[in-house]
Amino acid sequence: MGLREELADFYRRSGFGPVVGARPRTVPVFTGCMLVPLPNIEVRRRYLKYHDLHHLITGYSVGRIGEGEVSAWELGTGSAFVSPTLGVMNLIALSTGLVLKPGRMWAAFKSGCTSRNLYRQAVRAEIDRDHWQDVDALRADFLHSRKRRGIAPLRAIEFACYSIAAMFIHALIAIPAVIMRFVTDITLGYSFFQAVKPKKRTDLY
């Protein structure tokens, strides 16, 4: 399959639908134990195709842990320096991954430190012109395409700063969302214990 076909197949397998890049006005974002609907802003729509290609070249899933991993990987590649808004979106997903599997987030960040992302305008234009024929060709040019000897101390400090910022943003989103869910459940007639009981999820990975 060509790159466009592989991406369309990825959308179908992930339950996103057959239309490449089609998304609603709001998008459910993993925030701890919940999916919180956030505005599907223009920046997200602009970069979404390339974010999804990152899933394909890295092999990270679209579950809560996988989204955290691809976000950690993107931060390692310098996504926040391409667009601060991208960086914030990465931090939101990273926060959930840090709660669930912090070791895997660190490993993904280190992988990103030796890789390049697809977000820069010149790269996006080349992808749209079908410069790379398939995912394997993209992977060869962007995954682990930068040499390094170990992880530099400054990059470890960078990851620590991202982690602190991620958990702060997580609290800003998750705490009001938990309160709202609790109030809604009580209003709908659930008992106190039913309202506070965590919802069982099957989308960790």
N, C-alpha and C. Protein backbone atom coordinates (compact mmCIF):
# COMPACT_ATOMS: atom_id res chain seq x y z
N MET A 1 0.83 -1.20 0.00
CA MET A 1 0.00 0.00 0.00
C MET A 1 0.86 1.25 0.00
N GLY A 2 0.37 2.31 -0.64
CA GLY A 2 1.04 3.59 -0.59
C GLY A 2 0.76 4.28 0.73
N LEU A 3 1.42 5.43 0.94
CA LEU A 3 1.30 6.14 2.21
C LEU A 3 -0.14 6.56 2.50
N ARG A 4 -0.83 7.08 1.49
CA ARG A 4 -2.22 7.50 1.70
C ARG A 4 -3.10 6.32 2.07
N GLU A 5 -2.90 5.19 1.40
CA GLU A 5 -3.71 4.00 1.68
C GLU A 5 -3.41 3.45 3.07
N GLU A 6 -2.13 3.49 3.47
CA GLU A 6 -1.77 3.01 4.81
C GLU A 6 -2.40 3.89 5.88
N LEU A 7 -2.43 5.19 5.65
CA LEU A 7 -3.03 6.09 6.62
C LEU A 7 -4.54 5.87 6.70
N ALA A 8 -5.19 5.71 5.55
CA ALA A 8 -6.63 5.45 5.54
C ALA A 8 -6.95 4.13 6.24
N ASP A 9 -6.10 3.13 6.02
CA ASP A 9 -6.30 1.83 6.68
C ASP A 9 -6.12 1.97 8.19
N PHE A 10 -5.16 2.80 8.61
CA PHE A 10 -4.95 3.07 10.04
C PHE A 10 -6.19 3.68 10.66
N TYR A 11 -6.83 4.64 9.95
CA TYR A 11 -8.04 5.27 10.45
C TYR A 11 -9.17 4.25 10.60
N ARG A 12 -9.29 3.37 9.62
CA ARG A 12 -10.35 2.36 9.70
C ARG A 12 -10.10 1.40 10.85
N ARG A 13 -8.86 0.93 11.01
CA ARG A 13 -8.54 0.00 12.08
C ARG A 13 -8.70 0.62 13.46
N SER A 14 -8.47 1.92 13.54
CA SER A 14 -8.56 2.62 14.83
C SER A 14 -9.97 3.10 15.14
N GLY A 15 -10.90 2.89 14.21
CA GLY A 15 -12.28 3.30 14.44
C GLY A 15 -12.55 4.76 14.18
N PHE A 16 -11.66 5.44 13.42
CA PHE A 16 -11.83 6.85 13.14
C PHE A 16 -12.68 7.10 11.89
N GLY A 17 -12.97 6.06 11.13
CA GLY A 17 -13.76 6.23 9.91
C GLY A 17 -12.87 6.23 8.69
N PRO A 18 -13.46 6.08 7.52
CA PRO A 18 -12.68 5.93 6.29
C PRO A 18 -12.16 7.22 5.69
N VAL A 19 -12.65 8.38 6.14
CA VAL A 19 -12.25 9.64 5.52
C VAL A 19 -11.02 10.17 6.23
N VAL A 20 -9.93 10.31 5.50
CA VAL A 20 -8.67 10.76 6.08
C VAL A 20 -8.80 12.18 6.61
N GLY A 21 -8.48 12.34 7.89
CA GLY A 21 -8.45 13.66 8.49
C GLY A 21 -9.79 14.19 8.96
N ALA A 22 -10.90 13.47 8.73
CA ALA A 22 -12.22 13.98 9.13
C ALA A 22 -12.38 13.89 10.63
N ARG A 23 -12.77 14.98 11.27
CA ARG A 23 -12.95 14.99 12.71
C ARG A 23 -14.08 15.96 13.08
N PRO A 24 -14.77 15.76 14.20
CA PRO A 24 -15.84 16.66 14.64
C PRO A 24 -15.28 17.94 15.25
N ARG A 25 -16.20 18.82 15.71
CA ARG A 25 -15.80 20.10 16.29
C ARG A 25 -15.13 19.93 17.65
N THR A 26 -15.50 18.88 18.38
CA THR A 26 -14.84 18.58 19.63
C THR A 26 -14.19 17.21 19.53
N VAL A 27 -13.21 16.97 20.37
CA VAL A 27 -12.51 15.69 20.34
C VAL A 27 -12.33 15.20 21.78
N PRO A 28 -12.61 13.90 22.04
CA PRO A 28 -12.38 13.38 23.39
C PRO A 28 -10.89 13.16 23.64
N VAL A 29 -10.38 13.73 24.71
CA VAL A 29 -8.96 13.65 25.03
C VAL A 29 -8.78 12.83 26.29
N PHE A 30 -7.83 11.91 26.27
CA PHE A 30 -7.54 11.09 27.45
C PHE A 30 -7.02 11.97 28.57
N THR A 31 -7.72 11.96 29.70
CA THR A 31 -7.30 12.69 30.89
C THR A 31 -7.51 11.76 32.08
N GLY A 32 -6.46 11.05 32.46
CA GLY A 32 -6.58 10.09 33.54
C GLY A 32 -7.58 9.00 33.21
N CYS A 33 -8.61 8.85 34.05
CA CYS A 33 -9.59 7.78 33.88
C CYS A 33 -10.73 8.18 32.97
N MET A 34 -10.69 9.38 32.40
CA MET A 34 -11.82 9.88 31.63
C MET A 34 -11.41 10.37 30.26
N LEU A 35 -12.39 10.41 29.37
CA LEU A 35 -12.24 11.10 28.10
C LEU A 35 -12.96 12.44 28.23
N VAL A 36 -12.21 13.53 28.16
CA VAL A 36 -12.78 14.87 28.33
C VAL A 36 -12.89 15.53 26.95
N PRO A 37 -14.09 15.99 26.55
CA PRO A 37 -14.23 16.64 25.24
C PRO A 37 -13.60 18.03 25.26
N LEU A 38 -12.66 18.26 24.34
CA LEU A 38 -12.03 19.56 24.21
C LEU A 38 -12.23 20.07 22.78
N PRO A 39 -12.17 21.38 22.58
CA PRO A 39 -12.37 21.93 21.23
C PRO A 39 -11.35 21.38 20.24
N ASN A 40 -11.83 21.02 19.06
CA ASN A 40 -10.96 20.52 17.99
C ASN A 40 -10.42 21.74 17.24
N ILE A 41 -9.44 22.40 17.83
CA ILE A 41 -8.97 23.69 17.33
C ILE A 41 -8.25 23.54 15.99
N GLU A 42 -8.07 24.68 15.32
CA GLU A 42 -7.48 24.69 13.98
C GLU A 42 -6.07 24.10 13.97
N VAL A 43 -5.26 24.41 14.99
CA VAL A 43 -3.90 23.88 15.04
C VAL A 43 -3.92 22.36 15.06
N ARG A 44 -4.83 21.80 15.83
CA ARG A 44 -4.92 20.34 15.89
C ARG A 44 -5.30 19.76 14.54
N ARG A 45 -6.27 20.39 13.88
CA ARG A 45 -6.69 19.88 12.57
C ARG A 45 -5.56 19.99 11.55
N ARG A 46 -4.77 21.05 11.64
CA ARG A 46 -3.69 21.26 10.68
C ARG A 46 -2.62 20.18 10.81
N TYR A 47 -2.33 19.77 12.04
CA TYR A 47 -1.23 18.83 12.26
C TYR A 47 -1.69 17.38 12.47
N LEU A 48 -2.99 17.14 12.51
CA LEU A 48 -3.49 15.82 12.89
C LEU A 48 -2.99 14.71 11.98
N LYS A 49 -3.02 14.93 10.67
CA LYS A 49 -2.56 13.91 9.72
C LYS A 49 -1.14 13.47 10.03
N TYR A 50 -0.29 14.41 10.37
CA TYR A 50 1.13 14.12 10.59
C TYR A 50 1.33 13.48 11.97
N HIS A 51 0.49 13.85 12.93
CA HIS A 51 0.49 13.17 14.22
C HIS A 51 0.11 11.70 14.04
N ASP A 52 -0.90 11.45 13.21
CA ASP A 52 -1.31 10.07 12.97
C ASP A 52 -0.23 9.28 12.24
N LEU A 53 0.51 9.94 11.36
CA LEU A 53 1.64 9.28 10.72
C LEU A 53 2.73 8.94 11.73
N HIS A 54 2.86 9.76 12.77
CA HIS A 54 3.81 9.43 13.84
C HIS A 54 3.43 8.12 14.51
N HIS A 55 2.13 7.90 14.70
CA HIS A 55 1.71 6.61 15.25
C HIS A 55 2.19 5.46 14.37
N LEU A 56 2.09 5.66 13.07
CA LEU A 56 2.47 4.59 12.14
C LEU A 56 3.97 4.35 12.12
N ILE A 57 4.78 5.40 12.14
CA ILE A 57 6.22 5.18 12.03
C ILE A 57 6.83 4.72 13.35
N THR A 58 6.18 5.06 14.47
CA THR A 58 6.72 4.63 15.77
C THR A 58 6.11 3.31 16.25
N GLY A 59 4.89 3.00 15.80
CA GLY A 59 4.21 1.79 16.26
C GLY A 59 3.45 1.98 17.55
N TYR A 60 3.38 3.20 18.08
CA TYR A 60 2.63 3.45 19.30
C TYR A 60 1.13 3.43 19.00
N SER A 61 0.35 2.91 19.94
CA SER A 61 -1.08 2.72 19.73
C SER A 61 -1.86 4.02 19.91
N VAL A 62 -3.19 3.94 19.74
CA VAL A 62 -4.05 5.10 19.97
C VAL A 62 -4.80 4.97 21.30
N GLY A 63 -4.38 4.04 22.16
CA GLY A 63 -4.93 3.96 23.50
C GLY A 63 -4.31 5.02 24.40
N ARG A 64 -4.70 5.02 25.66
CA ARG A 64 -4.21 6.06 26.57
C ARG A 64 -2.69 6.03 26.71
N ILE A 65 -2.13 4.82 26.85
CA ILE A 65 -0.68 4.71 26.99
C ILE A 65 0.01 5.05 25.68
N GLY A 66 -0.55 4.55 24.57
CA GLY A 66 0.04 4.83 23.26
C GLY A 66 0.04 6.30 22.91
N GLU A 67 -1.05 7.00 23.24
CA GLU A 67 -1.10 8.44 22.98
C GLU A 67 -0.07 9.18 23.83
N GLY A 68 0.10 8.70 25.06
CA GLY A 68 1.14 9.29 25.90
C GLY A 68 2.52 9.07 25.32
N GLU A 69 2.76 7.85 24.80
CA GLU A 69 4.06 7.54 24.22
C GLU A 69 4.35 8.39 22.99
N VAL A 70 3.38 8.48 22.08
CA VAL A 70 3.64 9.27 20.87
C VAL A 70 3.82 10.74 21.22
N SER A 71 3.14 11.22 22.25
CA SER A 71 3.32 12.61 22.68
C SER A 71 4.69 12.82 23.30
N ALA A 72 5.15 11.86 24.12
CA ALA A 72 6.49 11.95 24.68
C ALA A 72 7.54 11.92 23.57
N TRP A 73 7.31 11.05 22.58
CA TRP A 73 8.21 10.96 21.44
C TRP A 73 8.26 12.28 20.68
N GLU A 74 7.10 12.88 20.45
CA GLU A 74 7.04 14.15 19.73
C GLU A 74 7.76 15.25 20.50
N LEU A 75 7.59 15.28 21.81
CA LEU A 75 8.30 16.27 22.62
C LEU A 75 9.81 16.06 22.52
N GLY A 76 10.23 14.81 22.48
CA GLY A 76 11.65 14.51 22.32
C GLY A 76 12.20 14.99 20.99
N THR A 77 11.35 15.00 19.95
CA THR A 77 11.78 15.47 18.64
C THR A 77 11.76 17.00 18.52
N GLY A 78 11.19 17.67 19.52
CA GLY A 78 11.13 19.12 19.50
C GLY A 78 9.83 19.71 19.01
N SER A 79 8.72 18.98 19.18
CA SER A 79 7.43 19.46 18.68
C SER A 79 7.02 20.79 19.30
N ALA A 80 7.36 21.00 20.57
CA ALA A 80 6.96 22.23 21.25
C ALA A 80 7.62 23.45 20.63
N PHE A 81 8.76 23.25 19.94
CA PHE A 81 9.45 24.36 19.32
C PHE A 81 8.90 24.64 17.92
N VAL A 82 8.17 23.69 17.36
CA VAL A 82 7.47 23.92 16.09
C VAL A 82 6.22 24.75 16.35
N SER A 83 5.47 24.38 17.39
CA SER A 83 4.25 25.10 17.76
C SER A 83 4.00 24.90 19.26
N PRO A 84 3.95 25.99 20.05
CA PRO A 84 3.66 25.85 21.48
C PRO A 84 2.33 25.16 21.72
N THR A 85 1.34 25.39 20.85
CA THR A 85 0.05 24.72 21.01
C THR A 85 0.19 23.22 20.87
N LEU A 86 1.00 22.77 19.91
CA LEU A 86 1.30 21.35 19.79
C LEU A 86 1.91 20.82 21.07
N GLY A 87 2.82 21.60 21.63
CA GLY A 87 3.46 21.19 22.87
C GLY A 87 2.47 21.00 24.00
N VAL A 88 1.50 21.90 24.12
CA VAL A 88 0.48 21.79 25.17
C VAL A 88 -0.36 20.54 24.95
N MET A 89 -0.74 20.28 23.70
CA MET A 89 -1.53 19.07 23.41
C MET A 89 -0.74 17.82 23.75
N ASN A 90 0.56 17.83 23.46
CA ASN A 90 1.41 16.71 23.84
C ASN A 90 1.45 16.52 25.36
N LEU A 91 1.51 17.63 26.08
CA LEU A 91 1.59 17.55 27.54
C LEU A 91 0.31 16.95 28.13
N ILE A 92 -0.84 17.26 27.54
CA ILE A 92 -2.10 16.70 28.03
C ILE A 92 -2.08 15.18 27.94
N ALA A 93 -1.67 14.65 26.77
CA ALA A 93 -1.61 13.20 26.60
C ALA A 93 -0.49 12.59 27.43
N LEU A 94 0.63 13.30 27.54
CA LEU A 94 1.75 12.79 28.33
C LEU A 94 1.36 12.59 29.78
N SER A 95 0.53 13.49 30.32
CA SER A 95 0.16 13.41 31.74
C SER A 95 -0.51 12.08 32.06
N THR A 96 -1.41 11.63 31.19
CA THR A 96 -2.07 10.35 31.42
C THR A 96 -1.07 9.21 31.35
N GLY A 97 -0.18 9.26 30.37
CA GLY A 97 0.85 8.22 30.25
C GLY A 97 1.76 8.17 31.45
N LEU A 98 2.08 9.33 32.01
CA LEU A 98 2.95 9.37 33.19
C LEU A 98 2.31 8.70 34.39
N VAL A 99 0.99 8.86 34.53
CA VAL A 99 0.28 8.23 35.64
C VAL A 99 0.26 6.71 35.47
N LEU A 100 0.08 6.26 34.23
CA LEU A 100 -0.11 4.83 33.96
C LEU A 100 1.21 4.08 33.79
N LYS A 101 2.12 4.61 32.97
CA LYS A 101 3.37 3.91 32.65
C LYS A 101 4.51 4.92 32.49
N PRO A 102 5.00 5.48 33.58
CA PRO A 102 6.03 6.53 33.44
C PRO A 102 7.30 6.05 32.75
N GLY A 103 7.68 4.81 32.97
CA GLY A 103 8.89 4.28 32.34
C GLY A 103 8.79 4.27 30.82
N ARG A 104 7.61 3.95 30.32
CA ARG A 104 7.42 3.92 28.88
C ARG A 104 7.42 5.33 28.29
N MET A 105 6.98 6.32 29.07
CA MET A 105 7.01 7.69 28.59
C MET A 105 8.47 8.16 28.45
N TRP A 106 9.28 7.81 29.41
CA TRP A 106 10.70 8.18 29.37
C TRP A 106 11.39 7.50 28.18
N ALA A 107 11.07 6.22 27.96
CA ALA A 107 11.67 5.50 26.83
C ALA A 107 11.25 6.13 25.50
N ALA A 108 9.98 6.54 25.40
CA ALA A 108 9.49 7.17 24.17
C ALA A 108 10.16 8.52 23.95
N PHE A 109 10.34 9.27 25.03
CA PHE A 109 11.01 10.58 24.91
C PHE A 109 12.44 10.38 24.42
N LYS A 110 13.14 9.41 24.97
CA LYS A 110 14.51 9.14 24.53
C LYS A 110 14.55 8.75 23.06
N SER A 111 13.56 7.97 22.62
CA SER A 111 13.48 7.60 21.21
C SER A 111 13.29 8.85 20.35
N GLY A 112 12.45 9.78 20.83
CA GLY A 112 12.23 11.02 20.10
C GLY A 112 13.49 11.87 20.00
N CYS A 113 14.37 11.77 20.99
CA CYS A 113 15.60 12.56 20.97
C CYS A 113 16.51 12.17 19.82
N THR A 114 16.33 10.99 19.28
CA THR A 114 17.16 10.55 18.15
C THR A 114 16.36 10.54 16.84
N SER A 115 15.16 11.11 16.87
CA SER A 115 14.29 11.07 15.69
C SER A 115 13.91 12.49 15.27
N ARG A 116 13.24 12.58 14.13
CA ARG A 116 12.71 13.86 13.65
C ARG A 116 11.21 13.73 13.44
N ASN A 117 10.47 14.79 13.74
CA ASN A 117 9.02 14.75 13.53
C ASN A 117 8.67 15.26 12.14
N LEU A 118 7.40 15.14 11.80
CA LEU A 118 6.90 15.50 10.47
C LEU A 118 6.21 16.86 10.45
N TYR A 119 6.35 17.64 11.51
CA TYR A 119 5.54 18.84 11.67
C TYR A 119 6.05 20.07 10.93
N ARG A 120 7.30 20.11 10.58
CA ARG A 120 7.82 21.31 9.93
C ARG A 120 7.18 21.49 8.55
N GLN A 121 6.96 22.73 8.17
CA GLN A 121 6.19 23.05 6.97
C GLN A 121 6.77 22.38 5.73
N ALA A 122 8.10 22.40 5.58
CA ALA A 122 8.72 21.81 4.40
C ALA A 122 8.46 20.31 4.32
N VAL A 123 8.52 19.65 5.47
CA VAL A 123 8.28 18.20 5.51
C VAL A 123 6.83 17.90 5.18
N ARG A 124 5.91 18.69 5.76
CA ARG A 124 4.48 18.47 5.48
C ARG A 124 4.18 18.64 3.99
N ALA A 125 4.81 19.62 3.39
CA ALA A 125 4.59 19.85 1.96
C ALA A 125 5.11 18.67 1.14
N GLU A 126 6.25 18.13 1.52
CA GLU A 126 6.80 16.97 0.81
C GLU A 126 5.90 15.75 0.96
N ILE A 127 5.34 15.56 2.16
CA ILE A 127 4.42 14.43 2.38
C ILE A 127 3.18 14.59 1.50
N ASP A 128 2.66 15.80 1.45
CA ASP A 128 1.46 16.06 0.65
C ASP A 128 1.71 15.90 -0.85
N ARG A 129 2.99 16.01 -1.26
CA ARG A 129 3.34 15.80 -2.66
C ARG A 129 3.75 14.35 -2.93
N ASP A 130 3.53 13.48 -1.91
CA ASP A 130 3.84 12.05 -2.04
C ASP A 130 5.32 11.79 -2.28
N HIS A 131 6.17 12.57 -1.61
CA HIS A 131 7.61 12.35 -1.74
C HIS A 131 8.01 10.98 -1.20
N TRP A 132 7.39 10.57 -0.09
CA TRP A 132 7.64 9.25 0.47
C TRP A 132 6.51 8.32 0.06
N GLN A 133 6.85 7.17 -0.47
CA GLN A 133 5.85 6.28 -1.06
C GLN A 133 5.06 5.49 -0.02
N ASP A 134 5.70 5.19 1.13
CA ASP A 134 5.01 4.39 2.13
C ASP A 134 5.58 4.68 3.51
N VAL A 135 5.00 4.03 4.52
CA VAL A 135 5.41 4.27 5.90
C VAL A 135 6.85 3.82 6.14
N ASP A 136 7.26 2.73 5.51
CA ASP A 136 8.64 2.26 5.69
C ASP A 136 9.65 3.31 5.25
N ALA A 137 9.34 4.01 4.16
CA ALA A 137 10.25 5.05 3.68
C ALA A 137 10.30 6.21 4.67
N LEU A 138 9.15 6.59 5.22
CA LEU A 138 9.12 7.64 6.24
C LEU A 138 9.91 7.22 7.47
N ARG A 139 9.69 6.00 7.89
CA ARG A 139 10.35 5.49 9.09
C ARG A 139 11.87 5.52 8.92
N ALA A 140 12.35 5.15 7.75
CA ALA A 140 13.78 5.11 7.51
C ALA A 140 14.42 6.49 7.60
N ASP A 141 13.68 7.52 7.20
CA ASP A 141 14.23 8.88 7.17
C ASP A 141 14.03 9.66 8.47
N PHE A 142 13.06 9.24 9.30
CA PHE A 142 12.72 10.06 10.46
C PHE A 142 12.88 9.36 11.80
N LEU A 143 12.72 8.06 11.86
CA LEU A 143 12.83 7.35 13.15
C LEU A 143 14.29 6.99 13.40
N HIS A 144 14.82 7.46 14.53
CA HIS A 144 16.23 7.23 14.90
C HIS A 144 17.16 7.68 13.78
N SER A 145 16.87 8.85 13.24
CA SER A 145 17.67 9.39 12.13
C SER A 145 18.78 10.33 12.62
N ARG A 146 18.84 10.57 13.93
CA ARG A 146 19.87 11.45 14.49
C ARG A 146 20.74 10.63 15.44
N LYS A 147 22.04 10.78 15.32
CA LYS A 147 22.96 10.02 16.15
C LYS A 147 23.12 10.71 17.51
N ARG A 148 23.33 9.89 18.54
CA ARG A 148 23.64 10.43 19.86
C ARG A 148 24.35 9.36 20.67
N ARG A 149 25.05 9.76 21.67
CA ARG A 149 25.70 8.83 22.60
C ARG A 149 25.09 9.03 23.97
N GLY A 150 24.16 8.18 24.32
CA GLY A 150 23.47 8.34 25.59
C GLY A 150 22.55 9.54 25.57
N ILE A 151 21.83 9.73 26.65
CA ILE A 151 20.91 10.86 26.77
C ILE A 151 21.61 11.99 27.51
N ALA A 152 21.67 13.16 26.90
CA ALA A 152 22.35 14.29 27.53
C ALA A 152 21.60 14.71 28.79
N PRO A 153 22.34 15.12 29.84
CA PRO A 153 21.68 15.55 31.09
C PRO A 153 20.64 16.64 30.86
N LEU A 154 20.91 17.55 29.92
CA LEU A 154 19.96 18.62 29.67
C LEU A 154 18.65 18.09 29.12
N ARG A 155 18.70 17.02 28.31
CA ARG A 155 17.46 16.44 27.79
C ARG A 155 16.68 15.76 28.91
N ALA A 156 17.38 15.16 29.88
CA ALA A 156 16.70 14.56 31.04
C ALA A 156 16.00 15.63 31.86
N ILE A 157 16.67 16.77 32.04
CA ILE A 157 16.06 17.89 32.75
C ILE A 157 14.85 18.41 31.97
N GLU A 158 14.99 18.45 30.65
CA GLU A 158 13.88 18.88 29.79
C GLU A 158 12.66 17.98 30.00
N PHE A 159 12.90 16.66 30.03
CA PHE A 159 11.79 15.72 30.24
C PHE A 159 11.15 15.93 31.61
N ALA A 160 11.98 16.18 32.63
CA ALA A 160 11.45 16.44 33.97
C ALA A 160 10.56 17.68 33.97
N CYS A 161 10.98 18.71 33.25
CA CYS A 161 10.17 19.94 33.17
C CYS A 161 8.86 19.68 32.44
N TYR A 162 8.92 18.90 31.35
CA TYR A 162 7.70 18.54 30.64
C TYR A 162 6.76 17.76 31.56
N SER A 163 7.32 16.86 32.36
CA SER A 163 6.50 16.03 33.24
C SER A 163 5.79 16.88 34.29
N ILE A 164 6.51 17.83 34.88
CA ILE A 164 5.90 18.71 35.88
C ILE A 164 4.78 19.54 35.24
N ALA A 165 5.06 20.11 34.06
CA ALA A 165 4.06 20.91 33.36
C ALA A 165 2.85 20.06 32.99
N ALA A 166 3.11 18.82 32.56
CA ALA A 166 2.03 17.92 32.16
C ALA A 166 1.09 17.63 33.32
N MET A 167 1.65 17.37 34.50
CA MET A 167 0.81 17.04 35.64
C MET A 167 0.04 18.27 36.13
N PHE A 168 0.62 19.45 35.96
CA PHE A 168 -0.09 20.68 36.32
C PHE A 168 -1.30 20.87 35.39
N ILE A 169 -1.08 20.71 34.09
CA ILE A 169 -2.18 20.82 33.13
C ILE A 169 -3.22 19.74 33.38
N HIS A 170 -2.75 18.55 33.71
CA HIS A 170 -3.65 17.43 34.01
C HIS A 170 -4.60 17.80 35.14
N ALA A 171 -4.05 18.40 36.20
CA ALA A 171 -4.88 18.79 37.34
C ALA A 171 -5.90 19.85 36.94
N LEU A 172 -5.48 20.81 36.09
CA LEU A 172 -6.39 21.86 35.66
C LEU A 172 -7.58 21.31 34.88
N ILE A 173 -7.35 20.23 34.13
CA ILE A 173 -8.43 19.64 33.32
C ILE A 173 -9.19 18.58 34.10
N ALA A 174 -8.45 17.71 34.78
CA ALA A 174 -9.07 16.52 35.38
C ALA A 174 -9.94 16.86 36.60
N ILE A 175 -9.48 17.73 37.46
CA ILE A 175 -10.23 18.01 38.69
C ILE A 175 -11.62 18.57 38.39
N PRO A 176 -11.75 19.61 37.55
CA PRO A 176 -13.11 20.08 37.21
C PRO A 176 -13.94 19.01 36.51
N ALA A 177 -13.29 18.18 35.66
CA ALA A 177 -14.02 17.14 34.94
C ALA A 177 -14.55 16.08 35.90
N VAL A 178 -13.76 15.72 36.90
CA VAL A 178 -14.21 14.73 37.89
C VAL A 178 -15.38 15.29 38.69
N ILE A 179 -15.28 16.55 39.10
CA ILE A 179 -16.37 17.17 39.86
C ILE A 179 -17.65 17.22 39.02
N MET A 180 -17.51 17.59 37.76
CA MET A 180 -18.68 17.67 36.88
C MET A 180 -19.31 16.30 36.67
N ARG A 181 -18.47 15.27 36.49
CA ARG A 181 -19.02 13.93 36.32
C ARG A 181 -19.75 13.47 37.57
N PHE A 182 -19.16 13.77 38.73
CA PHE A 182 -19.78 13.37 39.99
C PHE A 182 -21.14 14.06 40.16
N VAL A 183 -21.18 15.36 39.91
CA VAL A 183 -22.44 16.11 40.05
C VAL A 183 -23.48 15.58 39.06
N THR A 184 -23.05 15.30 37.84
CA THR A 184 -23.96 14.79 36.81
C THR A 184 -24.52 13.44 37.22
N ASP A 185 -23.65 12.54 37.69
CA ASP A 185 -24.11 11.21 38.10
C ASP A 185 -25.10 11.28 39.26
N ILE A 186 -24.84 12.13 40.24
CA ILE A 186 -25.76 12.29 41.37
C ILE A 186 -27.09 12.84 40.87
N THR A 187 -27.03 13.82 39.96
CA THR A 187 -28.25 14.41 39.41
C THR A 187 -29.08 13.37 38.65
N LEU A 188 -28.40 12.43 38.00
CA LEU A 188 -29.10 11.39 37.23
C LEU A 188 -29.63 10.26 38.11
N GLY A 189 -29.37 10.35 39.41
CA GLY A 189 -29.95 9.38 40.33
C GLY A 189 -29.02 8.27 40.79
N TYR A 190 -27.76 8.33 40.42
CA TYR A 190 -26.81 7.32 40.90
C TYR A 190 -26.53 7.54 42.38
N SER A 191 -26.22 6.46 43.08
CA SER A 191 -25.84 6.60 44.48
C SER A 191 -24.44 7.21 44.57
N PHE A 192 -24.07 7.62 45.78
CA PHE A 192 -22.74 8.21 45.98
C PHE A 192 -21.66 7.24 45.56
N PHE A 193 -21.80 5.97 45.95
CA PHE A 193 -20.77 4.97 45.65
C PHE A 193 -20.71 4.66 44.16
N GLN A 194 -21.85 4.67 43.49
CA GLN A 194 -21.84 4.48 42.04
C GLN A 194 -21.17 5.65 41.34
N ALA A 195 -21.36 6.84 41.85
CA ALA A 195 -20.80 8.04 41.23
C ALA A 195 -19.28 8.09 41.36
N VAL A 196 -18.75 7.64 42.50
CA VAL A 196 -17.30 7.74 42.72
C VAL A 196 -16.56 6.51 42.21
N LYS A 197 -17.28 5.43 41.88
CA LYS A 197 -16.63 4.22 41.40
C LYS A 197 -15.98 4.47 40.04
N PRO A 198 -14.67 4.18 39.89
CA PRO A 198 -14.01 4.40 38.59
C PRO A 198 -14.65 3.56 37.50
N LYS A 199 -14.76 4.13 36.33
CA LYS A 199 -15.31 3.41 35.19
C LYS A 199 -14.25 2.47 34.63
N LYS A 200 -14.61 1.21 34.42
CA LYS A 200 -13.67 0.24 33.86
C LYS A 200 -13.40 0.58 32.41
N ARG A 201 -12.10 0.65 32.02
CA ARG A 201 -11.73 1.00 30.66
C ARG A 201 -10.98 -0.16 30.01
N THR A 202 -11.17 -0.28 28.71
CA THR A 202 -10.48 -1.33 27.95
C THR A 202 -9.54 -0.73 26.91
N ASP A 203 -9.29 0.59 27.00
CA ASP A 203 -8.52 1.25 25.97
C ASP A 203 -7.15 1.74 26.46
N LEU A 204 -6.58 1.05 27.46
CA LEU A 204 -5.28 1.46 27.98
C LEU A 204 -4.21 1.46 26.90
N TYR A 205 -4.23 0.40 26.10
CA TYR A 205 -3.16 0.24 25.13
C TYR A 205 -3.63 0.55 23.72
